[in-house]
Amino acid sequence: GPATRALLALREDARGLEVARDVLSRSRDDEARFHAVALFRDGALRRWAELAPGDRTGCADLALAFCAALPPDAPPFLAAFAARWFAAL
């Protein structure tokens, strides 16, 4: 959908990390959340060296909170990808 296309377009944008954080906190669309996880992971890893220690912790905390909040019936494609995202951070 439109949200997915917008998220994919932000992969190289410096604002991608913030947009992904917003989508993850507000969206209930599994496909949009999947792409937001990818956008957040890629942005965090790309900017990791320049992030302040508190921001790094915030990224890891968000990943953990997102994984913990997924319901047991979350689509496997989203749950597995989110778990790998947390492990990468």
C-alpha atoms as a PDB file:
ATOM      1  CA  GLY A   1       0.000   0.000   0.000  1.00  0.00           C
ATOM      2  CA  PRO A   2       0.926   3.663   0.113  1.00  0.00           C
ATOM      3  CA  ALA A   3       2.560   3.382   3.546  1.00  0.00           C
ATOM      4  CA  THR A   4       4.814   0.596   2.317  1.00  0.00           C
ATOM      5  CA  ARG A   5       5.871   2.594  -0.757  1.00  0.00           C
ATOM      6  CA  ALA A   6       6.625   5.646   1.396  1.00  0.00           C
ATOM      7  CA  LEU A   7       8.708   3.572   3.826  1.00  0.00           C
ATOM      8  CA  LEU A   8      10.709   1.996   1.014  1.00  0.00           C
ATOM      9  CA  ALA A   9      11.436   5.453  -0.415  1.00  0.00           C
ATOM     10  CA  LEU A  10      12.904   6.550   2.933  1.00  0.00           C
ATOM     11  CA  ARG A  11      15.628   3.898   3.082  1.00  0.00           C
ATOM     12  CA  GLU A  12      18.338   6.399   2.143  1.00  0.00           C
ATOM     13  CA  ASP A  13      16.780   9.394   3.915  1.00  0.00           C
ATOM     14  CA  ALA A  14      18.322  10.613   7.183  1.00  0.00           C
ATOM     15  CA  ARG A  15      14.799  10.959   8.613  1.00  0.00           C
ATOM     16  CA  GLY A  16      14.091   7.276   8.057  1.00  0.00           C
ATOM     17  CA  LEU A  17      14.903   6.291  11.629  1.00  0.00           C
ATOM     18  CA  GLU A  18      12.427   8.780  13.074  1.00  0.00           C
ATOM     19  CA  VAL A  19       9.713   7.929  10.543  1.00  0.00           C
ATOM     20  CA  ALA A  20      10.149   4.212  11.236  1.00  0.00           C
ATOM     21  CA  ARG A  21       9.887   4.838  14.982  1.00  0.00           C
ATOM     22  CA  ASP A  22       6.639   6.718  14.432  1.00  0.00           C
ATOM     23  CA  VAL A  23       5.156   3.995  12.209  1.00  0.00           C
ATOM     24  CA  LEU A  24       6.122   1.286  14.705  1.00  0.00           C
ATOM     25  CA  SER A  25       4.406   3.129  17.526  1.00  0.00           C
ATOM     26  CA  ARG A  26       1.189   3.936  15.636  1.00  0.00           C
ATOM     27  CA  SER A  27       0.499   1.535  12.795  1.00  0.00           C
ATOM     28  CA  ARG A  28      -1.408  -1.721  13.074  1.00  0.00           C
ATOM     29  CA  ASP A  29      -0.784  -2.673   9.431  1.00  0.00           C
ATOM     30  CA  ASP A  30       1.537  -5.696   9.475  1.00  0.00           C
ATOM     31  CA  GLU A  31       3.098  -4.989   6.080  1.00  0.00           C
ATOM     32  CA  ALA A  32       3.833  -1.363   7.012  1.00  0.00           C
ATOM     33  CA  ARG A  33       5.287  -2.489  10.342  1.00  0.00           C
ATOM     34  CA  PHE A  34       7.479  -5.057   8.569  1.00  0.00           C
ATOM     35  CA  HIS A  35       8.930  -2.347   6.318  1.00  0.00           C
ATOM     36  CA  ALA A  36       9.262   0.027   9.273  1.00  0.00           C
ATOM     37  CA  VAL A  37      11.304  -2.620  11.130  1.00  0.00           C
ATOM     38  CA  ALA A  38      13.594  -2.927   8.093  1.00  0.00           C
ATOM     39  CA  LEU A  39      13.875   0.839   7.764  1.00  0.00           C
ATOM     40  CA  PHE A  40      14.620   1.263  11.465  1.00  0.00           C
ATOM     41  CA  ARG A  41      17.157  -1.569  11.540  1.00  0.00           C
ATOM     42  CA  ASP A  42      18.978  -0.308   8.452  1.00  0.00           C
ATOM     43  CA  GLY A  43      18.984   3.289   9.675  1.00  0.00           C
ATOM     44  CA  ALA A  44      20.153   2.387  13.170  1.00  0.00           C
ATOM     45  CA  LEU A  45      22.955   0.166  11.929  1.00  0.00           C
ATOM     46  CA  ARG A  46      24.045   2.705   9.298  1.00  0.00           C
ATOM     47  CA  ARG A  47      24.134   5.542  11.880  1.00  0.00           C
ATOM     48  CA  TRP A  48      25.277   3.449  14.877  1.00  0.00           C
ATOM     49  CA  ALA A  49      28.779   4.988  15.099  1.00  0.00           C
ATOM     50  CA  GLU A  50      27.387   8.526  15.200  1.00  0.00           C
ATOM     51  CA  LEU A  51      24.570   7.829  17.669  1.00  0.00           C
ATOM     52  CA  ALA A  52      25.052   8.915  21.261  1.00  0.00           C
ATOM     53  CA  PRO A  53      25.105   6.060  23.805  1.00  0.00           C
ATOM     54  CA  GLY A  54      21.605   7.000  25.013  1.00  0.00           C
ATOM     55  CA  ASP A  55      20.279   6.889  21.447  1.00  0.00           C
ATOM     56  CA  ARG A  56      21.840   3.463  20.918  1.00  0.00           C
ATOM     57  CA  THR A  57      20.147   2.241  24.070  1.00  0.00           C
ATOM     58  CA  GLY A  58      16.888   3.790  22.858  1.00  0.00           C
ATOM     59  CA  CYS A  59      17.136   1.886  19.582  1.00  0.00           C
ATOM     60  CA  ALA A  60      17.703  -1.420  21.354  1.00  0.00           C
ATOM     61  CA  ASP A  61      14.921  -0.641  23.840  1.00  0.00           C
ATOM     62  CA  LEU A  62      12.478   0.098  21.022  1.00  0.00           C
ATOM     63  CA  ALA A  63      13.365  -3.161  19.281  1.00  0.00           C
ATOM     64  CA  LEU A  64      12.869  -5.138  22.492  1.00  0.00           C
ATOM     65  CA  ALA A  65       9.595  -3.371  23.334  1.00  0.00           C
ATOM     66  CA  PHE A  66       8.249  -3.965  19.830  1.00  0.00           C
ATOM     67  CA  CYS A  67       9.101  -7.678  19.978  1.00  0.00           C
ATOM     68  CA  ALA A  68       7.636  -8.032  23.462  1.00  0.00           C
ATOM     69  CA  ALA A  69       4.394  -6.299  22.449  1.00  0.00           C
ATOM     70  CA  LEU A  70       3.727  -8.538  19.445  1.00  0.00           C
ATOM     71  CA  PRO A  71       0.708 -10.712  20.121  1.00  0.00           C
ATOM     72  CA  PRO A  72       1.101 -14.504  19.982  1.00  0.00           C
ATOM     73  CA  ASP A  73      -0.907 -14.553  16.756  1.00  0.00           C
ATOM     74  CA  ALA A  74       1.313 -11.981  14.996  1.00  0.00           C
ATOM     75  CA  PRO A  75       2.166 -13.043  11.449  1.00  0.00           C
ATOM     76  CA  PRO A  76       5.303 -15.192  11.482  1.00  0.00           C
ATOM     77  CA  PHE A  77       6.965 -13.024   8.817  1.00  0.00           C
ATOM     78  CA  LEU A  78       6.719 -10.025  11.157  1.00  0.00           C
ATOM     79  CA  ALA A  79       7.579 -11.814  14.411  1.00  0.00           C
ATOM     80  CA  ALA A  80      10.662 -13.566  13.009  1.00  0.00           C
ATOM     81  CA  PHE A  81      11.929 -10.421  11.291  1.00  0.00           C
ATOM     82  CA  ALA A  82      11.411  -8.351  14.446  1.00  0.00           C
ATOM     83  CA  ALA A  83      13.363 -10.909  16.505  1.00  0.00           C
ATOM     84  CA  ARG A  84      16.261 -10.738  14.031  1.00  0.00           C
ATOM     85  CA  TRP A  85      16.072  -6.930  14.221  1.00  0.00           C
ATOM     86  CA  PHE A  86      16.468  -7.009  17.991  1.00  0.00           C
ATOM     87  CA  ALA A  87      19.349  -9.483  17.726  1.00  0.00           C
ATOM     88  CA  ALA A  88      21.144  -7.228  15.213  1.00  0.00           C
ATOM     89  CA  LEU A  89      21.121  -4.300  17.642  1.00  0.00           C
END
